PDB file of all heavy atoms in Angstrom:
ATOM      1  N   LEU A   1     -71.613 -12.768  44.719  1.00  0.00           N
ATOM      2  CA  LEU A   1     -71.749 -12.965  43.261  1.00  0.00           C
ATOM      3  C   LEU A   1     -73.203 -13.315  42.882  1.00  0.00           C
ATOM      4  O   LEU A   1     -73.732 -12.813  41.854  1.00  0.00           O
ATOM      5  CB  LEU A   1     -70.819 -14.109  42.790  1.00  0.00           C
ATOM      6  CG  LEU A   1     -69.343 -13.852  42.902  1.00  0.00           C
ATOM      7  CD1 LEU A   1     -68.558 -15.100  42.486  1.00  0.00           C
ATOM      8  CD2 LEU A   1     -68.908 -12.693  41.998  1.00  0.00           C
ATOM      9  N   LYS A   2     -73.847 -14.118  43.702  1.00  0.00           N
ATOM     10  CA  LYS A   2     -75.193 -14.523  43.443  1.00  0.00           C
ATOM     11  C   LYS A   2     -76.152 -13.338  43.506  1.00  0.00           C
ATOM     12  O   LYS A   2     -77.104 -13.214  42.715  1.00  0.00           O
ATOM     13  CB  LYS A   2     -75.620 -15.618  44.409  1.00  0.00           C
ATOM     14  CG  LYS A   2     -76.982 -16.223  44.079  1.00  0.00           C
ATOM     15  CD  LYS A   2     -77.266 -17.402  45.027  1.00  0.00           C
ATOM     16  CE  LYS A   2     -78.582 -18.029  44.689  1.00  0.00           C
ATOM     17  NZ  LYS A   2     -78.898 -19.191  45.599  1.00  0.00           N
ATOM     18  N   SER A   3     -75.895 -12.438  44.477  1.00  0.00           N
ATOM     19  CA  SER A   3     -76.764 -11.285  44.659  1.00  0.00           C
ATOM     20  C   SER A   3     -76.417 -10.115  43.701  1.00  0.00           C
ATOM     21  O   SER A   3     -77.160  -9.152  43.601  1.00  0.00           O
ATOM     22  CB  SER A   3     -76.696 -10.785  46.085  1.00  0.00           C
ATOM     23  OG  SER A   3     -75.405 -10.307  46.403  1.00  0.00           O
ATOM     24  N   GLY A   4     -75.270 -10.210  43.051  1.00  0.00           N
ATOM     25  CA  GLY A   4     -74.866  -9.162  42.114  1.00  0.00           C
ATOM     26  C   GLY A   4     -74.148  -8.000  42.777  1.00  0.00           C
ATOM     27  O   GLY A   4     -73.869  -6.995  42.128  1.00  0.00           O
ATOM     28  N   VAL A   5     -73.840  -8.115  44.053  1.00  0.00           N
ATOM     29  CA  VAL A   5     -73.119  -7.048  44.772  1.00  0.00           C
ATOM     30  C   VAL A   5     -71.688  -6.900  44.299  1.00  0.00           C
ATOM     31  O   VAL A   5     -71.152  -5.788  44.168  1.00  0.00           O
ATOM     32  CB  VAL A   5     -73.155  -7.292  46.276  1.00  0.00           C
ATOM     33  CG1 VAL A   5     -72.263  -6.306  47.009  1.00  0.00           C
ATOM     34  CG2 VAL A   5     -74.596  -7.204  46.774  1.00  0.00           C
ATOM     35  N   LEU A   6     -71.043  -8.044  43.978  1.00  0.00           N
ATOM     36  CA  LEU A   6     -69.663  -8.038  43.473  1.00  0.00           C
ATOM     37  C   LEU A   6     -69.633  -8.716  42.141  1.00  0.00           C
ATOM     38  O   LEU A   6     -70.478  -9.546  41.805  1.00  0.00           O
ATOM     39  CB  LEU A   6     -68.730  -8.752  44.466  1.00  0.00           C
ATOM     40  CG  LEU A   6     -68.569  -8.154  45.838  1.00  0.00           C
ATOM     41  CD1 LEU A   6     -67.654  -9.045  46.680  1.00  0.00           C
ATOM     42  CD2 LEU A   6     -68.054  -6.731  45.793  1.00  0.00           C
ATOM     43  N   LYS A   7     -68.604  -8.388  41.366  1.00  0.00           N
ATOM     44  CA  LYS A   7     -68.425  -9.012  40.067  1.00  0.00           C
ATOM     45  C   LYS A   7     -66.963  -9.416  39.854  1.00  0.00           C
ATOM     46  O   LYS A   7     -66.050  -8.685  40.269  1.00  0.00           O
ATOM     47  CB  LYS A   7     -68.826  -8.025  38.941  1.00  0.00           C
ATOM     48  CG  LYS A   7     -68.665  -8.608  37.541  1.00  0.00           C
ATOM     49  CD  LYS A   7     -68.910  -7.615  36.449  1.00  0.00           C
ATOM     50  CE  LYS A   7     -68.639  -8.239  35.092  1.00  0.00           C
ATOM     51  NZ  LYS A   7     -68.816  -7.267  33.988  1.00  0.00           N
ATOM     52  N   ILE A   8     -66.773 -10.550  39.232  1.00  0.00           N
ATOM     53  CA  ILE A   8     -65.423 -11.035  38.911  1.00  0.00           C
ATOM     54  C   ILE A   8     -64.976 -10.381  37.587  1.00  0.00           C
ATOM     55  O   ILE A   8     -65.705 -10.359  36.601  1.00  0.00           O
ATOM     56  CB  ILE A   8     -65.385 -12.538  38.762  1.00  0.00           C
ATOM     57  CG1 ILE A   8     -65.667 -13.220  40.117  1.00  0.00           C
ATOM     58  CG2 ILE A   8     -64.014 -13.033  38.234  1.00  0.00           C
ATOM     59  CD1 ILE A   8     -65.755 -14.735  40.052  1.00  0.00           C
ATOM     60  N   ILE A   9     -63.730  -9.854  37.595  1.00  0.00           N
ATOM     61  CA  ILE A   9     -63.112  -9.364  36.388  1.00  0.00           C
ATOM     62  C   ILE A   9     -61.954 -10.310  36.046  1.00  0.00           C
ATOM     63  O   ILE A   9     -61.006 -10.434  36.807  1.00  0.00           O
ATOM     64  CB  ILE A   9     -62.575  -7.924  36.582  1.00  0.00           C
ATOM     65  CG1 ILE A   9     -63.684  -7.014  37.128  1.00  0.00           C
ATOM     66  CG2 ILE A   9     -62.018  -7.397  35.260  1.00  0.00           C
ATOM     67  CD1 ILE A   9     -64.907  -6.831  36.193  1.00  0.00           C
ATOM     68  N   GLU A  10     -62.041 -10.955  34.916  1.00  0.00           N
ATOM     69  CA  GLU A  10     -61.012 -11.896  34.521  1.00  0.00           C
ATOM     70  C   GLU A  10     -59.749 -11.138  34.164  1.00  0.00           C
ATOM     71  O   GLU A  10     -59.775 -10.046  33.625  1.00  0.00           O
ATOM     72  CB  GLU A  10     -61.472 -12.748  33.319  1.00  0.00           C
ATOM     73  CG  GLU A  10     -62.722 -13.562  33.513  1.00  0.00           C
ATOM     74  CD  GLU A  10     -62.483 -14.745  34.419  1.00  0.00           C
ATOM     75  OE1 GLU A  10     -61.321 -15.093  34.681  1.00  0.00           O
ATOM     76  OE2 GLU A  10     -63.481 -15.328  34.905  1.00  0.00           O
ATOM     77  N   ILE A  11     -58.602 -11.789  34.416  1.00  0.00           N
ATOM     78  CA  ILE A  11     -57.295 -11.243  34.013  1.00  0.00           C
ATOM     79  C   ILE A  11     -56.766 -12.146  32.918  1.00  0.00           C
ATOM     80  O   ILE A  11     -56.602 -13.373  33.168  1.00  0.00           O
ATOM     81  CB  ILE A  11     -56.313 -11.195  35.199  1.00  0.00           C
ATOM     82  CG1 ILE A  11     -56.927 -10.433  36.366  1.00  0.00           C
ATOM     83  CG2 ILE A  11     -55.006 -10.553  34.748  1.00  0.00           C
ATOM     84  CD1 ILE A  11     -56.075 -10.399  37.615  1.00  0.00           C
ATOM     85  N   LYS A  12     -56.517 -11.605  31.763  1.00  0.00           N
ATOM     86  CA  LYS A  12     -56.126 -12.402  30.590  1.00  0.00           C
ATOM     87  C   LYS A  12     -54.875 -13.237  30.882  1.00  0.00           C
ATOM     88  O   LYS A  12     -53.836 -12.729  31.288  1.00  0.00           O
ATOM     89  CB  LYS A  12     -55.885 -11.467  29.409  1.00  0.00           C
ATOM     90  CG  LYS A  12     -55.713 -12.211  28.091  1.00  0.00           C
ATOM     91  CD  LYS A  12     -55.661 -11.239  26.909  1.00  0.00           C
ATOM     92  CE  LYS A  12     -55.553 -11.966  25.586  1.00  0.00           C
ATOM     93  NZ  LYS A  12     -55.493 -11.014  24.427  1.00  0.00           N
ATOM     94  N   LYS A  13     -55.058 -14.508  30.689  1.00  0.00           N
ATOM     95  CA  LYS A  13     -53.936 -15.477  30.845  1.00  0.00           C
ATOM     96  C   LYS A  13     -53.231 -15.396  32.207  1.00  0.00           C
ATOM     97  O   LYS A  13     -52.037 -15.574  32.345  1.00  0.00           O
ATOM     98  CB  LYS A  13     -52.876 -15.297  29.737  1.00  0.00           C
ATOM     99  CG  LYS A  13     -53.403 -15.563  28.349  1.00  0.00           C
ATOM    100  CD  LYS A  13     -52.326 -15.390  27.299  1.00  0.00           C
ATOM    101  CE  LYS A  13     -52.884 -15.727  25.894  1.00  0.00           C
ATOM    102  NZ  LYS A  13     -51.851 -15.562  24.829  1.00  0.00           N
ATOM    103  N   LEU A  14     -54.030 -15.117  33.252  1.00  0.00           N
ATOM    104  CA  LEU A  14     -53.508 -15.088  34.593  1.00  0.00           C
ATOM    105  C   LEU A  14     -54.471 -15.726  35.583  1.00  0.00           C
ATOM    106  O   LEU A  14     -55.010 -15.056  36.469  1.00  0.00           O
ATOM    107  CB  LEU A  14     -53.151 -13.631  35.024  1.00  0.00           C
ATOM    108  CG  LEU A  14     -52.433 -13.481  36.385  1.00  0.00           C
ATOM    109  CD1 LEU A  14     -51.108 -14.216  36.376  1.00  0.00           C
ATOM    110  CD2 LEU A  14     -52.258 -12.045  36.746  1.00  0.00           C
ATOM    111  N   PRO A  15     -54.701 -17.030  35.460  1.00  0.00           N
ATOM    112  CA  PRO A  15     -55.482 -17.702  36.490  1.00  0.00           C
ATOM    113  C   PRO A  15     -54.647 -17.848  37.766  1.00  0.00           C
ATOM    114  O   PRO A  15     -53.435 -18.035  37.702  1.00  0.00           O
ATOM    115  CB  PRO A  15     -55.756 -19.055  35.865  1.00  0.00           C
ATOM    116  CG  PRO A  15     -54.640 -19.315  34.932  1.00  0.00           C
ATOM    117  CD  PRO A  15     -54.235 -17.929  34.406  1.00  0.00           C
ATOM    118  N   ILE A  16     -55.258 -17.685  38.898  1.00  0.00           N
ATOM    119  CA  ILE A  16     -54.539 -17.788  40.171  1.00  0.00           C
ATOM    120  C   ILE A  16     -55.195 -18.853  41.007  1.00  0.00           C
ATOM    121  O   ILE A  16     -56.324 -18.676  41.526  1.00  0.00           O
ATOM    122  CB  ILE A  16     -54.514 -16.450  40.930  1.00  0.00           C
ATOM    123  CG1 ILE A  16     -53.959 -15.336  40.071  1.00  0.00           C
ATOM    124  CG2 ILE A  16     -53.699 -16.606  42.230  1.00  0.00           C
ATOM    125  CD1 ILE A  16     -53.922 -13.976  40.768  1.00  0.00           C
ATOM    126  N   HIS A  17     -54.535 -20.004  41.098  1.00  0.00           N
ATOM    127  CA  HIS A  17     -55.025 -21.083  41.894  1.00  0.00           C
ATOM    128  C   HIS A  17     -54.093 -21.295  43.083  1.00  0.00           C
ATOM    129  O   HIS A  17     -52.903 -20.965  42.979  1.00  0.00           O
ATOM    130  CB  HIS A  17     -55.131 -22.374  41.069  1.00  0.00           C
ATOM    131  CG  HIS A  17     -56.156 -22.298  40.006  1.00  0.00           C
ATOM    132  ND1 HIS A  17     -55.839 -22.033  38.674  1.00  0.00           N
ATOM    133  CD2 HIS A  17     -57.504 -22.412  40.030  1.00  0.00           C
ATOM    134  CE1 HIS A  17     -56.927 -22.014  37.928  1.00  0.00           C
ATOM    135  NE2 HIS A  17     -57.971 -22.257  38.744  1.00  0.00           N
ATOM    136  N   ARG A  18     -54.637 -21.884  44.107  1.00  0.00           N
ATOM    137  CA  ARG A  18     -53.782 -22.162  45.276  1.00  0.00           C
ATOM    138  C   ARG A  18     -54.341 -23.422  45.961  1.00  0.00           C
ATOM    139  O   ARG A  18     -55.459 -23.822  45.730  1.00  0.00           O
ATOM    140  CB  ARG A  18     -53.750 -21.036  46.261  1.00  0.00           C
ATOM    141  CG  ARG A  18     -55.121 -20.728  46.884  1.00  0.00           C
ATOM    142  CD  ARG A  18     -55.022 -19.681  47.953  1.00  0.00           C
ATOM    143  NE  ARG A  18     -56.326 -19.264  48.409  1.00  0.00           N
ATOM    144  CZ  ARG A  18     -56.521 -18.329  49.320  1.00  0.00           C
ATOM    145  NH1 ARG A  18     -55.513 -17.715  49.863  1.00  0.00           N
ATOM    146  NH2 ARG A  18     -57.752 -18.015  49.698  1.00  0.00           N
ATOM    147  N   GLN A  19     -53.556 -23.932  46.853  1.00  0.00           N
ATOM    148  CA  GLN A  19     -53.965 -25.123  47.632  1.00  0.00           C
ATOM    149  C   GLN A  19     -54.033 -24.738  49.080  1.00  0.00           C
ATOM    150  O   GLN A  19     -53.172 -24.007  49.583  1.00  0.00           O
ATOM    151  CB  GLN A  19     -52.877 -26.223  47.444  1.00  0.00           C
ATOM    152  CG  GLN A  19     -53.257 -27.551  48.059  1.00  0.00           C
ATOM    153  CD  GLN A  19     -54.192 -28.361  47.195  1.00  0.00           C
ATOM    154  OE1 GLN A  19     -54.081 -28.343  45.984  1.00  0.00           O
ATOM    155  NE2 GLN A  19     -55.140 -28.979  47.849  1.00  0.00           N
ATOM    156  N   PHE A  20     -55.098 -25.186  49.742  1.00  0.00           N
ATOM    157  CA  PHE A  20     -55.121 -25.103  51.191  1.00  0.00           C
ATOM    158  C   PHE A  20     -54.416 -26.307  51.739  1.00  0.00           C
ATOM    159  O   PHE A  20     -54.574 -27.429  51.185  1.00  0.00           O
ATOM    160  CB  PHE A  20     -56.561 -25.066  51.696  1.00  0.00           C
ATOM    161  CG  PHE A  20     -57.310 -23.795  51.360  1.00  0.00           C
ATOM    162  CD1 PHE A  20     -58.686 -23.817  51.165  1.00  0.00           C
ATOM    163  CD2 PHE A  20     -56.644 -22.596  51.227  1.00  0.00           C
ATOM    164  CE1 PHE A  20     -59.418 -22.680  50.853  1.00  0.00           C
ATOM    165  CE2 PHE A  20     -57.338 -21.426  50.899  1.00  0.00           C
ATOM    166  CZ  PHE A  20     -58.730 -21.483  50.702  1.00  0.00           C
ATOM    167  N   TYR A  21     -53.654 -26.129  52.834  1.00  0.00           N
ATOM    168  CA  TYR A  21     -52.875 -27.231  53.392  1.00  0.00           C
ATOM    169  C   TYR A  21     -53.187 -27.458  54.859  1.00  0.00           C
ATOM    170  O   TYR A  21     -53.433 -26.500  55.612  1.00  0.00           O
ATOM    171  CB  TYR A  21     -51.355 -26.935  53.283  1.00  0.00           C
ATOM    172  CG  TYR A  21     -50.815 -27.006  51.889  1.00  0.00           C
ATOM    173  CD1 TYR A  21     -50.814 -25.901  51.042  1.00  0.00           C
ATOM    174  CD2 TYR A  21     -50.303 -28.213  51.376  1.00  0.00           C
ATOM    175  CE1 TYR A  21     -50.308 -25.952  49.772  1.00  0.00           C
ATOM    176  CE2 TYR A  21     -49.765 -28.270  50.079  1.00  0.00           C
ATOM    177  CZ  TYR A  21     -49.786 -27.145  49.307  1.00  0.00           C
ATOM    178  OH  TYR A  21     -49.271 -27.213  48.013  1.00  0.00           O
ATOM    179  N   PHE A  22     -53.197 -28.717  55.248  1.00  0.00           N
ATOM    180  CA  PHE A  22     -53.107 -29.068  56.654  1.00  0.00           C
ATOM    181  C   PHE A  22     -51.654 -28.880  57.055  1.00  0.00           C
ATOM    182  O   PHE A  22     -50.728 -29.249  56.293  1.00  0.00           O
ATOM    183  CB  PHE A  22     -53.515 -30.520  56.934  1.00  0.00           C
ATOM    184  CG  PHE A  22     -54.930 -30.848  56.628  1.00  0.00           C
ATOM    185  CD1 PHE A  22     -55.219 -31.725  55.590  1.00  0.00           C
ATOM    186  CD2 PHE A  22     -55.957 -30.305  57.344  1.00  0.00           C
ATOM    187  CE1 PHE A  22     -56.511 -32.085  55.355  1.00  0.00           C
ATOM    188  CE2 PHE A  22     -57.268 -30.637  57.071  1.00  0.00           C
ATOM    189  CZ  PHE A  22     -57.582 -31.515  56.068  1.00  0.00           C
ATOM    190  N   ILE A  23     -51.406 -28.349  58.242  1.00  0.00           N
ATOM    191  CA  ILE A  23     -50.031 -28.287  58.734  1.00  0.00           C
ATOM    192  C   ILE A  23     -49.972 -29.015  60.083  1.00  0.00           C
ATOM    193  O   ILE A  23     -50.823 -28.888  60.931  1.00  0.00           O
ATOM    194  CB  ILE A  23     -49.519 -26.845  58.883  1.00  0.00           C
ATOM    195  CG1 ILE A  23     -50.401 -25.999  59.818  1.00  0.00           C
ATOM    196  CG2 ILE A  23     -49.388 -26.178  57.531  1.00  0.00           C
ATOM    197  CD1 ILE A  23     -49.793 -24.641  60.137  1.00  0.00           C
ATOM    198  N   THR A  24     -48.960 -29.839  60.194  1.00  0.00           N
ATOM    199  CA  THR A  24     -48.686 -30.584  61.420  1.00  0.00           C
ATOM    200  C   THR A  24     -47.165 -30.609  61.639  1.00  0.00           C
ATOM    201  O   THR A  24     -46.388 -30.350  60.719  1.00  0.00           O
ATOM    202  CB  THR A  24     -49.166 -32.056  61.276  1.00  0.00           C
ATOM    203  OG1 THR A  24     -48.621 -32.635  60.048  1.00  0.00           O
ATOM    204  CG2 THR A  24     -50.692 -32.125  61.274  1.00  0.00           C
ATOM    205  N   PRO A  25     -46.732 -30.876  62.850  1.00  0.00           N
ATOM    206  CA  PRO A  25     -45.290 -30.945  63.105  1.00  0.00           C
ATOM    207  C   PRO A  25     -44.679 -32.086  62.286  1.00  0.00           C
ATOM    208  O   PRO A  25     -45.348 -33.068  61.972  1.00  0.00           O
ATOM    209  CB  PRO A  25     -45.199 -31.245  64.600  1.00  0.00           C
ATOM    210  CG  PRO A  25     -46.498 -30.783  65.165  1.00  0.00           C
ATOM    211  CD  PRO A  25     -47.519 -31.043  64.099  1.00  0.00           C
ATOM    212  N   GLN A  26     -43.411 -31.948  61.937  1.00  0.00           N
ATOM    213  CA  GLN A  26     -42.726 -33.015  61.256  1.00  0.00           C
ATOM    214  C   GLN A  26     -42.729 -34.280  62.131  1.00  0.00           C
ATOM    215  O   GLN A  26     -42.603 -34.202  63.351  1.00  0.00           O
ATOM    216  CB  GLN A  26     -41.293 -32.622  60.921  1.00  0.00           C
ATOM    217  CG  GLN A  26     -41.189 -31.575  59.815  1.00  0.00           C
ATOM    218  CD  GLN A  26     -41.467 -32.150  58.429  1.00  0.00           C
ATOM    219  OE1 GLN A  26     -41.848 -33.312  58.291  1.00  0.00           O
ATOM    220  NE2 GLN A  26     -41.356 -31.332  57.416  1.00  0.00           N
ATOM    221  N   GLY A  27     -42.874 -35.435  61.476  1.00  0.00           N
ATOM    222  CA  GLY A  27     -42.865 -36.697  62.226  1.00  0.00           C
ATOM    223  C   GLY A  27     -44.186 -37.471  61.968  1.00  0.00           C
ATOM    224  O   GLY A  27     -44.999 -37.011  61.172  1.00  0.00           O
ATOM    225  N   PRO A  28     -44.368 -38.597  62.600  1.00  0.00           N
ATOM    226  CA  PRO A  28     -45.558 -39.410  62.363  1.00  0.00           C
ATOM    227  C   PRO A  28     -46.817 -38.667  62.709  1.00  0.00           C
ATOM    228  O   PRO A  28     -46.843 -37.923  63.689  1.00  0.00           O
ATOM    229  CB  PRO A  28     -45.340 -40.619  63.274  1.00  0.00           C
ATOM    230  CG  PRO A  28     -43.874 -40.648  63.563  1.00  0.00           C
ATOM    231  CD  PRO A  28     -43.437 -39.214  63.556  1.00  0.00           C
ATOM    232  N   GLU A  29     -47.858 -38.834  61.888  1.00  0.00           N
ATOM    233  CA  GLU A  29     -49.134 -38.207  62.169  1.00  0.00           C
ATOM    234  C   GLU A  29     -50.035 -39.240  62.823  1.00  0.00           C
ATOM    235  O   GLU A  29     -50.041 -40.427  62.486  1.00  0.00           O
ATOM    236  CB  GLU A  29     -49.799 -37.693  60.895  1.00  0.00           C
ATOM    237  CG  GLU A  29     -49.022 -36.553  60.276  1.00  0.00           C
ATOM    238  CD  GLU A  29     -49.508 -36.227  58.864  1.00  0.00           C
ATOM    239  OE1 GLU A  29     -50.263 -37.058  58.293  1.00  0.00           O
ATOM    240  OE2 GLU A  29     -49.153 -35.175  58.345  1.00  0.00           O
ATOM    241  N   GLY A  30     -50.800 -38.812  63.791  1.00  0.00           N
ATOM    242  CA  GLY A  30     -51.731 -39.718  64.466  1.00  0.00           C
ATOM    243  C   GLY A  30     -52.635 -38.991  65.417  1.00  0.00           C
ATOM    244  O   GLY A  30     -52.699 -37.771  65.427  1.00  0.00           O
ATOM    245  N   GLY A  31     -53.385 -39.734  66.186  1.00  0.00           N
ATOM    246  CA  GLY A  31     -54.269 -39.155  67.223  1.00  0.00           C
ATOM    247  C   GLY A  31     -55.387 -38.333  66.588  1.00  0.00           C
ATOM    248  O   GLY A  31     -55.819 -38.539  65.458  1.00  0.00           O
ATOM    249  N   LEU A  32     -55.904 -37.419  67.396  1.00  0.00           N
ATOM    250  CA  LEU A  32     -57.031 -36.592  66.959  1.00  0.00           C
ATOM    251  C   LEU A  32     -56.720 -35.750  65.728  1.00  0.00           C
ATOM    252  O   LEU A  32     -57.617 -35.523  64.903  1.00  0.00           O
ATOM    253  CB  LEU A  32     -57.504 -35.709  68.116  1.00  0.00           C
ATOM    254  CG  LEU A  32     -58.097 -36.464  69.325  1.00  0.00           C
ATOM    255  CD1 LEU A  32     -58.503 -35.493  70.421  1.00  0.00           C
ATOM    256  CD2 LEU A  32     -59.324 -37.299  68.893  1.00  0.00           C
ATOM    257  N   PRO A  33     -55.477 -35.201  65.586  1.00  0.00           N
ATOM    258  CA  PRO A  33     -55.191 -34.446  64.333  1.00  0.00           C
ATOM    259  C   PRO A  33     -55.417 -35.270  63.092  1.00  0.00           C
ATOM    260  O   PRO A  33     -56.010 -34.790  62.106  1.00  0.00           O
ATOM    261  CB  PRO A  33     -53.733 -34.048  64.501  1.00  0.00           C
ATOM    262  CG  PRO A  33     -53.545 -33.971  65.978  1.00  0.00           C
ATOM    263  CD  PRO A  33     -54.358 -35.096  66.517  1.00  0.00           C
ATOM    264  N   LEU A  34     -54.993 -36.535  63.094  1.00  0.00           N
ATOM    265  CA  LEU A  34     -55.164 -37.398  61.929  1.00  0.00           C
ATOM    266  C   LEU A  34     -56.643 -37.695  61.725  1.00  0.00           C
ATOM    267  O   LEU A  34     -57.162 -37.753  60.584  1.00  0.00           O
ATOM    268  CB  LEU A  34     -54.370 -38.684  62.090  1.00  0.00           C
ATOM    269  CG  LEU A  34     -54.453 -39.663  60.893  1.00  0.00           C
ATOM    270  CD1 LEU A  34     -53.920 -38.981  59.601  1.00  0.00           C
ATOM    271  CD2 LEU A  34     -53.649 -40.926  61.175  1.00  0.00           C
ATOM    272  N   LEU A  35     -57.387 -37.899  62.813  1.00  0.00           N
ATOM    273  CA  LEU A  35     -58.831 -38.137  62.726  1.00  0.00           C
ATOM    274  C   LEU A  35     -59.522 -36.972  62.019  1.00  0.00           C
ATOM    275  O   LEU A  35     -60.356 -37.180  61.117  1.00  0.00           O
ATOM    276  CB  LEU A  35     -59.415 -38.321  64.130  1.00  0.00           C
ATOM    277  CG  LEU A  35     -60.907 -38.534  64.216  1.00  0.00           C
ATOM    278  CD1 LEU A  35     -61.318 -39.885  63.638  1.00  0.00           C
ATOM    279  CD2 LEU A  35     -61.381 -38.401  65.652  1.00  0.00           C
ATOM    280  N   LEU A  36     -59.156 -35.767  62.420  1.00  0.00           N
ATOM    281  CA  LEU A  36     -59.779 -34.585  61.800  1.00  0.00           C
ATOM    282  C   LEU A  36     -59.367 -34.398  60.362  1.00  0.00           C
ATOM    283  O   LEU A  36     -60.194 -34.123  59.494  1.00  0.00           O
ATOM    284  CB  LEU A  36     -59.433 -33.305  62.599  1.00  0.00           C
ATOM    285  CG  LEU A  36     -60.038 -31.977  62.059  1.00  0.00           C
ATOM    286  CD1 LEU A  36     -61.562 -32.032  62.185  1.00  0.00           C
ATOM    287  CD2 LEU A  36     -59.469 -30.801  62.814  1.00  0.00           C
ATOM    288  N   MET A  37     -58.099 -34.601  60.082  1.00  0.00           N
ATOM    289  CA  MET A  37     -57.603 -34.510  58.692  1.00  0.00           C
ATOM    290  C   MET A  37     -58.352 -35.449  57.757  1.00  0.00           C
ATOM    291  O   MET A  37     -58.795 -35.057  56.673  1.00  0.00           O
ATOM    292  CB  MET A  37     -56.074 -34.786  58.643  1.00  0.00           C
ATOM    293  CG  MET A  37     -55.207 -33.683  59.137  1.00  0.00           C
ATOM    294  SD  MET A  37     -53.466 -34.165  59.200  1.00  0.00           S
ATOM    295  CE  MET A  37     -53.160 -34.602  57.501  1.00  0.00           C
ATOM    296  N   ASN A  38     -58.509 -36.654  58.197  1.00  0.00           N
ATOM    297  CA  ASN A  38     -59.154 -37.680  57.353  1.00  0.00           C
ATOM    298  C   ASN A  38     -60.625 -37.320  57.148  1.00  0.00           C
ATOM    299  O   ASN A  38     -61.169 -37.415  56.020  1.00  0.00           O
ATOM    300  CB  ASN A  38     -59.071 -39.054  57.993  1.00  0.00           C
ATOM    301  CG  ASN A  38     -57.667 -39.642  57.920  1.00  0.00           C
ATOM    302  OD1 ASN A  38     -56.851 -39.199  57.094  1.00  0.00           O
ATOM    303  ND2 ASN A  38     -57.323 -40.587  58.769  1.00  0.00           N
TER     304      ASN A  38
END
């Protein structure tokens, strides 16, 4: 975008947002995975 190679085309009334998620097994979180998440 900064170099002008690509351009964003807006879509009327259609913003698309999403969330990135950490995934871990169900159960208590701890150890190195929790260290990295934090």
